[in-house]
Protein backbone atom coordinates (compact mmCIF):
# COMPACT_ATOMS: atom_id res chain seq x y z
CA UNK A 1 -1.73 -13.73 4.04
CA UNK A 2 -4.68 -11.46 3.52
CA UNK A 3 -4.36 -8.14 1.78
CA UNK A 4 -6.01 -4.84 2.52
CA UNK A 5 -7.03 -1.74 0.66
CA UNK A 6 -7.65 1.89 1.50
CA UNK A 7 -9.86 4.46 -0.29
CA UNK A 8 -9.15 8.18 -0.11
CA UNK A 9 -11.25 11.03 -1.53
CA UNK A 10 -8.94 13.80 -2.75
CA UNK A 11 -11.61 16.43 -3.40
CA UNK A 12 -12.09 15.39 -7.04
CA UNK A 13 -11.79 11.61 -7.25
CA UNK A 14 -11.67 8.53 -5.09
CA UNK A 15 -8.29 6.84 -4.99
CA UNK A 16 -7.84 3.15 -4.18
CA UNK A 17 -4.57 1.90 -2.68
CA UNK A 18 -4.14 -1.88 -2.46
CA UNK A 19 -1.05 -3.65 -1.15
CA UNK A 20 -0.28 -7.18 -0.09
CA UNK A 21 -0.02 -10.87 -0.56
CA UNK A 22 1.16 -12.22 -3.88
CA UNK A 23 -0.94 -9.64 -5.74
CA UNK A 24 0.99 -6.71 -7.19
CA UNK A 25 0.11 -3.36 -5.69
CA UNK A 26 -2.83 -1.55 -7.27
CA UNK A 27 -3.66 2.11 -7.60
CA UNK A 28 -7.00 3.04 -9.18
CA UNK A 29 -9.17 6.13 -9.43
CA UNK A 30 -12.89 6.69 -9.73
CA UNK A 31 -14.98 9.86 -9.95
CA UNK A 32 -17.91 8.28 -8.06
CA UNK A 33 -16.29 5.38 -6.19
CA UNK A 34 -18.02 2.65 -8.21
CA UNK A 35 -16.27 2.22 -11.56
CA UNK A 36 -12.50 2.10 -11.13
CA UNK A 37 -9.72 2.82 -13.61
CA UNK A 38 -6.53 1.00 -12.70
CA UNK A 39 -3.37 3.06 -13.12
CA UNK A 40 -0.20 1.36 -14.29
CA UNK A 41 1.98 2.67 -11.51
CA UNK A 42 3.76 1.17 -8.55
CA UNK A 43 2.66 2.49 -5.18
CA UNK A 44 5.23 0.77 -3.04
CA UNK A 45 7.47 -2.25 -3.63
CA UNK A 46 8.51 -4.92 -1.17
CA UNK A 47 11.96 -4.49 0.32
CA UNK A 48 15.03 -6.27 -0.95
CA UNK A 49 15.94 -9.71 0.43
CA UNK A 50 16.66 -9.50 4.15
CA UNK A 51 14.99 -6.14 4.70
CA UNK A 52 12.20 -5.84 7.27
CA UNK A 53 9.49 -5.69 4.54
CA UNK A 54 10.98 -8.19 2.08
CA UNK A 55 8.28 -10.85 2.48
CA UNK A 56 5.08 -8.79 2.43
CA UNK A 57 3.68 -5.28 2.48
CA UNK A 58 0.01 -4.79 3.30
CA UNK A 59 -2.71 -2.79 5.03
CA UNK A 60 -2.10 0.75 3.81
CA UNK A 61 -3.57 3.82 5.47
CA UNK A 62 -3.18 7.02 3.46
CA UNK A 63 -3.79 10.70 4.10
CA UNK A 64 -3.38 13.70 1.82
CA UNK A 65 -1.67 16.41 3.86
CA UNK A 66 -1.10 19.77 2.15
CA UNK A 67 -0.70 18.10 -1.25
CA UNK A 68 1.58 15.31 0.03
CA UNK A 69 0.48 11.67 0.25
CA UNK A 70 1.49 10.00 3.51
CA UNK A 71 1.14 6.22 3.87
CA UNK A 72 1.54 3.92 6.84
CA UNK A 73 1.63 0.20 6.09
CA UNK A 74 2.57 -3.12 7.64
CA UNK A 75 5.47 -5.23 6.47
CA UNK A 76 7.21 -8.44 7.42
CA UNK A 77 10.15 -10.66 6.70
CA UNK A 78 10.64 -14.32 7.53
CA UNK A 79 13.91 -15.92 8.57
CA UNK A 80 15.05 -18.90 10.66
CA UNK A 81 13.85 -17.12 13.82
CA UNK A 82 10.32 -16.69 12.44
CA UNK A 83 8.21 -13.71 11.40
CA UNK A 84 9.31 -10.15 12.01
CA UNK A 85 6.55 -7.50 11.65
CA UNK A 86 6.88 -3.73 11.60
CA UNK A 87 5.05 -0.58 10.52
CA UNK A 88 6.46 1.43 7.64
CA UNK A 89 6.00 5.01 6.46
CA UNK A 90 6.26 6.40 2.94
CA UNK A 91 5.40 9.75 1.40
CA UNK A 92 5.18 11.33 -2.00
C-alpha cells in the first residue's frame, strides 16, 4: 500500500504530515520547506483491531482553520469479506 504526505504552510513554517503503510506517522517542520526537522510526536494512530481504520491510515489532507488543525484521511480494515475503506476526520 502506498503512503501519502501533505505539506501545510502555517504562516511561519512548513509542516509535513505523513501517514500510511508500515511506516510510522511522521510530523516534521521546516522554515523554508527544504530542510526538515522531524518531531517525535504521533499525528494519528491506526484504529484498534476490528475498527474501520485498523489496517491502514493514509493520504492526509490538512487545513488550519482559526488555529485548529483539521485532517481528513483514508483508512481501511481487512476481514473475511475483503477490504473496507472509509474517510476519517480528526482535529486538534
